[in-house]
N, C-alpha and C. Protein backbone atom coordinates (compact mmCIF):
# COMPACT_ATOMS: atom_id res chain seq x y z
N MET A 1 -7.03 2.65 6.50
CA MET A 1 -6.57 3.84 5.79
C MET A 1 -7.80 4.60 5.28
N ILE A 2 -7.83 5.89 5.54
CA ILE A 2 -8.87 6.75 5.01
C ILE A 2 -8.28 7.47 3.81
N ARG A 3 -9.00 7.42 2.69
CA ARG A 3 -8.55 8.10 1.48
C ARG A 3 -9.68 8.98 0.96
N ILE A 4 -9.36 10.24 0.71
CA ILE A 4 -10.34 11.17 0.18
C ILE A 4 -9.85 11.64 -1.19
N LEU A 5 -10.69 11.42 -2.19
CA LEU A 5 -10.38 11.78 -3.57
C LEU A 5 -11.12 13.07 -3.90
N TYR A 6 -10.44 13.99 -4.58
CA TYR A 6 -11.04 15.28 -4.94
C TYR A 6 -10.96 15.49 -6.45
N LEU A 7 -12.08 15.75 -7.08
CA LEU A 7 -12.09 16.20 -8.47
C LEU A 7 -11.97 17.72 -8.42
N LEU A 8 -11.00 18.27 -9.13
CA LEU A 8 -10.69 19.70 -9.04
C LEU A 8 -10.91 20.39 -10.38
N VAL A 9 -11.51 21.57 -10.32
CA VAL A 9 -11.72 22.40 -11.50
C VAL A 9 -11.06 23.75 -11.21
N LYS A 10 -10.24 24.20 -12.13
CA LYS A 10 -9.56 25.49 -11.96
C LYS A 10 -10.56 26.62 -12.18
N PRO A 11 -10.27 27.80 -11.62
CA PRO A 11 -11.11 28.96 -11.92
C PRO A 11 -11.07 29.28 -13.41
N GLU A 12 -12.16 29.73 -13.97
CA GLU A 12 -12.21 30.08 -15.40
C GLU A 12 -11.14 31.10 -15.77
N SER A 13 -10.84 32.01 -14.85
CA SER A 13 -9.90 33.09 -15.16
C SER A 13 -8.43 32.67 -15.08
N MET A 14 -8.16 31.46 -14.60
CA MET A 14 -6.77 31.02 -14.42
C MET A 14 -6.31 30.21 -15.63
N SER A 15 -5.09 30.49 -16.08
CA SER A 15 -4.52 29.73 -17.19
C SER A 15 -4.16 28.32 -16.73
N HIS A 16 -4.04 27.43 -17.70
CA HIS A 16 -3.64 26.05 -17.40
C HIS A 16 -2.25 26.05 -16.76
N GLU A 17 -1.34 26.88 -17.28
CA GLU A 17 0.03 26.91 -16.76
C GLU A 17 0.06 27.41 -15.31
N GLN A 18 -0.72 28.44 -15.00
CA GLN A 18 -0.77 28.93 -13.62
C GLN A 18 -1.37 27.87 -12.70
N PHE A 19 -2.40 27.19 -13.16
CA PHE A 19 -3.02 26.13 -12.37
C PHE A 19 -2.00 25.03 -12.08
N ARG A 20 -1.25 24.65 -13.10
CA ARG A 20 -0.20 23.64 -12.94
C ARG A 20 0.81 24.07 -11.86
N LYS A 21 1.24 25.33 -11.92
CA LYS A 21 2.20 25.84 -10.93
C LYS A 21 1.61 25.81 -9.52
N GLU A 22 0.35 26.19 -9.39
CA GLU A 22 -0.29 26.21 -8.07
C GLU A 22 -0.48 24.80 -7.54
N CYS A 23 -0.73 23.83 -8.42
CA CYS A 23 -0.82 22.43 -7.98
C CYS A 23 0.50 21.97 -7.39
N VAL A 24 1.61 22.37 -8.01
CA VAL A 24 2.94 22.03 -7.49
C VAL A 24 3.16 22.69 -6.14
N VAL A 25 2.82 23.96 -6.02
CA VAL A 25 2.97 24.67 -4.74
C VAL A 25 2.13 23.97 -3.67
N HIS A 26 0.91 23.60 -4.01
CA HIS A 26 0.02 22.94 -3.05
C HIS A 26 0.62 21.61 -2.59
N PHE A 27 1.18 20.87 -3.54
CA PHE A 27 1.85 19.62 -3.19
C PHE A 27 3.01 19.87 -2.24
N GLN A 28 3.82 20.86 -2.55
CA GLN A 28 4.97 21.18 -1.69
C GLN A 28 4.52 21.59 -0.29
N MET A 29 3.42 22.30 -0.21
CA MET A 29 2.89 22.74 1.09
C MET A 29 2.41 21.56 1.94
N SER A 30 2.10 20.43 1.31
CA SER A 30 1.58 19.27 2.05
C SER A 30 2.68 18.56 2.85
N ALA A 31 3.94 18.82 2.55
CA ALA A 31 5.05 18.15 3.25
C ALA A 31 4.99 18.48 4.75
N GLY A 32 5.01 17.46 5.57
CA GLY A 32 4.99 17.65 7.01
C GLY A 32 3.64 18.02 7.60
N MET A 33 2.58 17.92 6.80
CA MET A 33 1.24 18.25 7.28
C MET A 33 0.84 17.29 8.40
N PRO A 34 0.50 17.83 9.58
CA PRO A 34 0.10 16.96 10.70
C PRO A 34 -1.07 16.05 10.33
N GLY A 35 -0.91 14.77 10.58
CA GLY A 35 -1.97 13.79 10.36
C GLY A 35 -2.09 13.27 8.94
N LEU A 36 -1.49 13.95 7.97
CA LEU A 36 -1.61 13.54 6.57
C LEU A 36 -0.54 12.50 6.25
N HIS A 37 -0.98 11.32 5.86
CA HIS A 37 -0.05 10.23 5.52
C HIS A 37 0.55 10.46 4.14
N LYS A 38 -0.29 10.89 3.18
CA LYS A 38 0.18 11.05 1.80
C LYS A 38 -0.78 11.99 1.06
N TYR A 39 -0.22 12.78 0.15
CA TYR A 39 -1.03 13.62 -0.72
C TYR A 39 -0.51 13.47 -2.14
N GLU A 40 -1.43 13.28 -3.07
CA GLU A 40 -1.09 13.20 -4.49
C GLU A 40 -1.98 14.15 -5.25
N VAL A 41 -1.46 14.71 -6.31
CA VAL A 41 -2.27 15.51 -7.24
C VAL A 41 -1.82 15.16 -8.65
N ARG A 42 -2.78 14.95 -9.52
CA ARG A 42 -2.50 14.60 -10.91
C ARG A 42 -3.35 15.49 -11.82
N LEU A 43 -2.72 16.05 -12.84
CA LEU A 43 -3.47 16.82 -13.83
C LEU A 43 -4.16 15.85 -14.78
N VAL A 44 -5.34 16.20 -15.22
CA VAL A 44 -6.06 15.39 -16.20
C VAL A 44 -5.46 15.70 -17.57
N ALA A 45 -4.98 14.66 -18.24
CA ALA A 45 -4.32 14.82 -19.54
C ALA A 45 -5.28 14.58 -20.70
N GLY A 46 -6.41 13.93 -20.44
CA GLY A 46 -7.37 13.65 -21.50
C GLY A 46 -8.59 12.95 -20.95
N ASN A 47 -9.62 12.86 -21.77
CA ASN A 47 -10.88 12.21 -21.40
C ASN A 47 -11.31 11.25 -22.49
N PRO A 48 -10.78 10.03 -22.49
CA PRO A 48 -11.21 9.06 -23.51
C PRO A 48 -12.72 8.82 -23.42
N THR A 49 -13.37 8.73 -24.55
CA THR A 49 -14.81 8.46 -24.57
C THR A 49 -15.14 7.09 -25.13
N ASP A 50 -14.12 6.32 -25.51
CA ASP A 50 -14.33 5.00 -26.08
C ASP A 50 -14.41 3.94 -24.97
N THR A 51 -15.36 4.11 -24.08
CA THR A 51 -15.52 3.22 -22.94
C THR A 51 -16.36 2.02 -23.31
N HIS A 52 -16.26 0.96 -22.52
CA HIS A 52 -17.02 -0.26 -22.77
C HIS A 52 -18.38 -0.26 -22.09
N VAL A 53 -18.68 0.79 -21.35
CA VAL A 53 -20.00 0.99 -20.72
C VAL A 53 -20.43 2.42 -21.05
N PRO A 54 -21.68 2.77 -20.82
CA PRO A 54 -22.12 4.14 -21.15
C PRO A 54 -21.23 5.19 -20.49
N TYR A 55 -20.91 6.21 -21.26
CA TYR A 55 -20.03 7.30 -20.84
C TYR A 55 -20.77 8.22 -19.89
N LEU A 56 -20.14 8.60 -18.79
CA LEU A 56 -20.70 9.54 -17.83
C LEU A 56 -19.98 10.88 -18.01
N ASP A 57 -20.70 11.88 -18.48
CA ASP A 57 -20.11 13.19 -18.68
C ASP A 57 -20.29 14.01 -17.41
N VAL A 58 -19.20 14.29 -16.72
CA VAL A 58 -19.27 15.04 -15.47
C VAL A 58 -18.76 16.47 -15.65
N GLY A 59 -18.54 16.87 -16.87
CA GLY A 59 -18.00 18.21 -17.11
C GLY A 59 -16.49 18.20 -17.03
N ARG A 60 -15.91 19.39 -17.14
CA ARG A 60 -14.45 19.50 -17.16
C ARG A 60 -13.87 19.27 -15.76
N ILE A 61 -12.89 18.41 -15.69
CA ILE A 61 -12.11 18.19 -14.48
C ILE A 61 -10.67 18.47 -14.86
N ASP A 62 -10.02 19.35 -14.10
CA ASP A 62 -8.65 19.74 -14.44
C ASP A 62 -7.59 18.92 -13.70
N ALA A 63 -7.93 18.43 -12.52
CA ALA A 63 -6.95 17.65 -11.74
C ALA A 63 -7.70 16.76 -10.77
N ILE A 64 -6.98 15.78 -10.26
CA ILE A 64 -7.50 14.88 -9.24
C ILE A 64 -6.50 14.88 -8.09
N GLY A 65 -6.99 15.18 -6.90
CA GLY A 65 -6.15 15.15 -5.70
C GLY A 65 -6.60 14.02 -4.80
N GLU A 66 -5.69 13.54 -3.98
CA GLU A 66 -6.05 12.48 -3.03
C GLU A 66 -5.25 12.65 -1.75
N CYS A 67 -5.97 12.62 -0.63
CA CYS A 67 -5.37 12.68 0.70
C CYS A 67 -5.54 11.33 1.38
N TRP A 68 -4.49 10.86 2.02
CA TRP A 68 -4.49 9.59 2.73
C TRP A 68 -4.24 9.85 4.22
N PHE A 69 -4.98 9.15 5.06
CA PHE A 69 -4.83 9.25 6.51
C PHE A 69 -4.77 7.84 7.10
N ALA A 70 -3.86 7.63 8.04
CA ALA A 70 -3.66 6.29 8.61
C ALA A 70 -4.84 5.85 9.47
N SER A 71 -5.58 6.80 10.05
CA SER A 71 -6.69 6.44 10.95
C SER A 71 -7.61 7.65 11.11
N GLU A 72 -8.74 7.41 11.71
CA GLU A 72 -9.68 8.50 12.02
C GLU A 72 -9.02 9.51 12.97
N GLU A 73 -8.22 9.02 13.89
CA GLU A 73 -7.51 9.90 14.82
C GLU A 73 -6.55 10.83 14.09
N GLN A 74 -5.83 10.29 13.11
CA GLN A 74 -4.91 11.10 12.33
C GLN A 74 -5.66 12.11 11.45
N TYR A 75 -6.82 11.71 10.97
CA TYR A 75 -7.66 12.64 10.21
C TYR A 75 -8.07 13.82 11.10
N GLN A 76 -8.40 13.55 12.36
CA GLN A 76 -8.79 14.62 13.29
C GLN A 76 -7.61 15.54 13.59
N VAL A 77 -6.41 14.97 13.73
CA VAL A 77 -5.19 15.78 13.91
C VAL A 77 -5.05 16.74 12.73
N TYR A 78 -5.21 16.20 11.54
CA TYR A 78 -5.14 16.99 10.30
C TYR A 78 -6.18 18.12 10.31
N MET A 79 -7.41 17.77 10.63
CA MET A 79 -8.50 18.76 10.58
C MET A 79 -8.28 19.90 11.58
N GLU A 80 -7.64 19.61 12.70
CA GLU A 80 -7.44 20.62 13.74
C GLU A 80 -6.16 21.44 13.55
N SER A 81 -5.36 21.07 12.57
CA SER A 81 -4.05 21.71 12.36
C SER A 81 -4.18 23.10 11.74
N ASP A 82 -3.45 24.05 12.30
CA ASP A 82 -3.39 25.39 11.71
C ASP A 82 -2.70 25.35 10.35
N ILE A 83 -1.76 24.44 10.17
CA ILE A 83 -1.08 24.29 8.88
C ILE A 83 -2.08 23.87 7.81
N ARG A 84 -2.99 22.95 8.15
CA ARG A 84 -4.03 22.51 7.22
C ARG A 84 -4.93 23.69 6.85
N LYS A 85 -5.25 24.53 7.82
CA LYS A 85 -6.11 25.68 7.55
C LYS A 85 -5.45 26.62 6.54
N ALA A 86 -4.15 26.85 6.66
CA ALA A 86 -3.43 27.69 5.70
C ALA A 86 -3.39 27.01 4.33
N TRP A 87 -3.26 25.69 4.32
CA TRP A 87 -3.25 24.92 3.07
C TRP A 87 -4.58 25.08 2.35
N PHE A 88 -5.68 25.01 3.11
CA PHE A 88 -7.01 25.19 2.52
C PHE A 88 -7.17 26.61 1.97
N GLU A 89 -6.59 27.59 2.65
CA GLU A 89 -6.66 28.97 2.14
C GLU A 89 -5.96 29.06 0.78
N HIS A 90 -4.83 28.40 0.64
CA HIS A 90 -4.16 28.38 -0.67
C HIS A 90 -5.06 27.71 -1.70
N GLY A 91 -5.72 26.62 -1.32
CA GLY A 91 -6.63 25.93 -2.23
C GLY A 91 -7.73 26.84 -2.75
N LYS A 92 -8.21 27.75 -1.91
CA LYS A 92 -9.27 28.68 -2.35
C LYS A 92 -8.79 29.58 -3.49
N TYR A 93 -7.48 29.81 -3.56
CA TYR A 93 -6.92 30.66 -4.60
C TYR A 93 -6.95 29.99 -5.98
N PHE A 94 -6.61 28.70 -6.04
CA PHE A 94 -6.44 28.08 -7.35
C PHE A 94 -7.44 26.98 -7.68
N ILE A 95 -8.34 26.67 -6.76
CA ILE A 95 -9.37 25.67 -7.03
C ILE A 95 -10.70 26.41 -7.15
N GLY A 96 -11.28 26.36 -8.35
CA GLY A 96 -12.56 27.03 -8.58
C GLY A 96 -13.72 26.24 -8.02
N GLN A 97 -13.66 24.92 -8.18
CA GLN A 97 -14.69 24.01 -7.67
C GLN A 97 -14.02 22.68 -7.34
N LEU A 98 -14.62 21.94 -6.42
CA LEU A 98 -14.14 20.59 -6.14
C LEU A 98 -15.30 19.69 -5.75
N LYS A 99 -15.09 18.41 -5.94
CA LYS A 99 -16.05 17.39 -5.52
C LYS A 99 -15.27 16.32 -4.78
N PRO A 100 -15.47 16.20 -3.44
CA PRO A 100 -14.73 15.19 -2.67
C PRO A 100 -15.50 13.87 -2.58
N PHE A 101 -14.74 12.79 -2.47
CA PHE A 101 -15.28 11.45 -2.26
C PHE A 101 -14.44 10.76 -1.20
N VAL A 102 -15.05 10.27 -0.15
CA VAL A 102 -14.35 9.39 0.78
C VAL A 102 -14.50 7.99 0.20
N THR A 103 -13.38 7.33 -0.02
CA THR A 103 -13.43 6.02 -0.67
C THR A 103 -13.28 4.89 0.35
N GLU A 104 -13.71 3.72 -0.05
CA GLU A 104 -13.66 2.53 0.79
C GLU A 104 -12.85 1.45 0.08
N GLU A 105 -11.86 0.90 0.74
CA GLU A 105 -11.06 -0.17 0.13
C GLU A 105 -11.87 -1.45 0.06
N LEU A 106 -11.78 -2.13 -1.08
CA LEU A 106 -12.47 -3.41 -1.24
C LEU A 106 -11.54 -4.58 -1.04
N VAL A 107 -10.32 -4.45 -1.52
CA VAL A 107 -9.35 -5.55 -1.41
C VAL A 107 -8.01 -5.00 -0.96
């Protein structure tokens, strides 16, 4: 399974409520996406600082998205899809910045 995690920051000019609405629209648009096994998006509700190791301040993060793909082949299907291209265009509207991470399963 390939999983890509995205830290998302809304545009400065967009309200929290509008960003929330666009996250829902983006989730709805993911239904039936070729090659995409699963998509999740979660709004950040808080940033606890009482950690047991030194705190890493990465700046404001408004949401976390995650895309799942069953295989490299399915990821390529996704990347070549015109539907995915339209989905990315929507993302340009409501995502001011993002930081992607391809993750590796340990267990």
